[in-house]
């Protein structure tokens, strides 16, 4: 499981949006989002650049990805 630290989520709607956006990336599965923690967890092997660009297109910023 990997953890993506994300800035810009301010409400449950944002958390749902992030989950939808990440789930739509080919190669990512099992997405969960913690609004209070400011992160999403997921399974998969996708470039950090792809995740960052996808989130940026929706108004969020990828801070880092931690491997668990």
Protein backbone atom coordinates (compact mmCIF):
# COMPACT_ATOMS: atom_id res chain seq x y z
CA UNK A 1 0.00 0.00 0.00
CA UNK A 2 1.30 3.45 -0.90
CA UNK A 3 0.29 6.75 0.67
CA UNK A 4 -0.01 9.92 -1.39
CA UNK A 5 0.16 13.10 0.69
CA UNK A 6 -2.19 15.60 -0.97
CA UNK A 7 -2.80 19.31 -0.40
CA UNK A 8 -5.99 21.10 -1.31
CA UNK A 9 -8.68 18.83 0.12
CA UNK A 10 -11.00 20.90 2.31
CA UNK A 11 -14.25 18.91 2.49
CA UNK A 12 -15.83 15.50 1.94
CA UNK A 13 -16.60 16.51 -1.63
CA UNK A 14 -12.89 17.04 -2.25
CA UNK A 15 -12.11 13.65 -0.72
CA UNK A 16 -14.66 11.95 -3.01
CA UNK A 17 -13.22 13.84 -6.00
CA UNK A 18 -9.68 12.69 -5.18
CA UNK A 19 -10.85 9.09 -4.78
CA UNK A 20 -12.64 9.22 -8.14
CA UNK A 21 -9.67 10.83 -9.92
CA UNK A 22 -7.12 8.38 -8.51
CA UNK A 23 -9.35 5.37 -9.14
CA UNK A 24 -9.62 6.38 -12.81
CA UNK A 25 -5.84 6.12 -13.34
CA UNK A 26 -5.00 2.84 -15.08
CA UNK A 27 -2.93 0.72 -12.70
CA UNK A 28 -4.26 2.12 -9.42
CA UNK A 29 -6.66 0.10 -7.26
CA UNK A 30 -8.03 0.02 -3.71
CA UNK A 31 -8.09 3.80 -3.23
CA UNK A 32 -9.07 5.19 0.18
CA UNK A 33 -8.91 8.85 1.15
CA UNK A 34 -8.44 10.43 4.57
CA UNK A 35 -9.64 14.02 4.55
CA UNK A 36 -8.45 14.66 8.12
CA UNK A 37 -5.05 13.10 7.39
CA UNK A 38 -4.65 14.79 4.02
CA UNK A 39 -3.70 11.62 2.18
CA UNK A 40 -4.89 8.81 -0.05
CA UNK A 41 -3.74 5.21 0.07
CA UNK A 42 -3.70 2.93 -2.95
CA UNK A 43 -2.23 -0.16 -4.57
CA UNK A 44 -0.43 -0.05 -7.88
CA UNK A 45 2.67 0.93 -9.79
CA UNK A 46 2.11 4.29 -11.44
CA UNK A 47 4.60 7.10 -12.01
CA UNK A 48 4.57 9.88 -9.43
CA UNK A 49 4.49 12.35 -12.34
CA UNK A 50 1.25 10.85 -13.68
CA UNK A 51 -0.40 11.00 -10.27
CA UNK A 52 0.82 14.58 -9.69
CA UNK A 53 -0.41 15.76 -13.11
CA UNK A 54 -3.79 14.09 -12.69
CA UNK A 55 -4.31 15.66 -9.26
CA UNK A 56 -3.07 19.07 -10.46
CA UNK A 57 -5.62 19.04 -13.27
CA UNK A 58 -8.30 18.85 -10.57
CA UNK A 59 -6.77 21.55 -8.35
CA UNK A 60 -4.90 19.38 -5.83
CA UNK A 61 -1.17 19.14 -5.17
CA UNK A 62 0.76 15.93 -4.62
CA UNK A 63 3.28 16.58 -1.85
CA UNK A 64 4.89 13.15 -1.72
CA UNK A 65 4.33 9.42 -2.00
CA UNK A 66 5.31 7.16 0.87
CA UNK A 67 5.76 3.46 0.26
CA UNK A 68 4.23 1.30 2.93
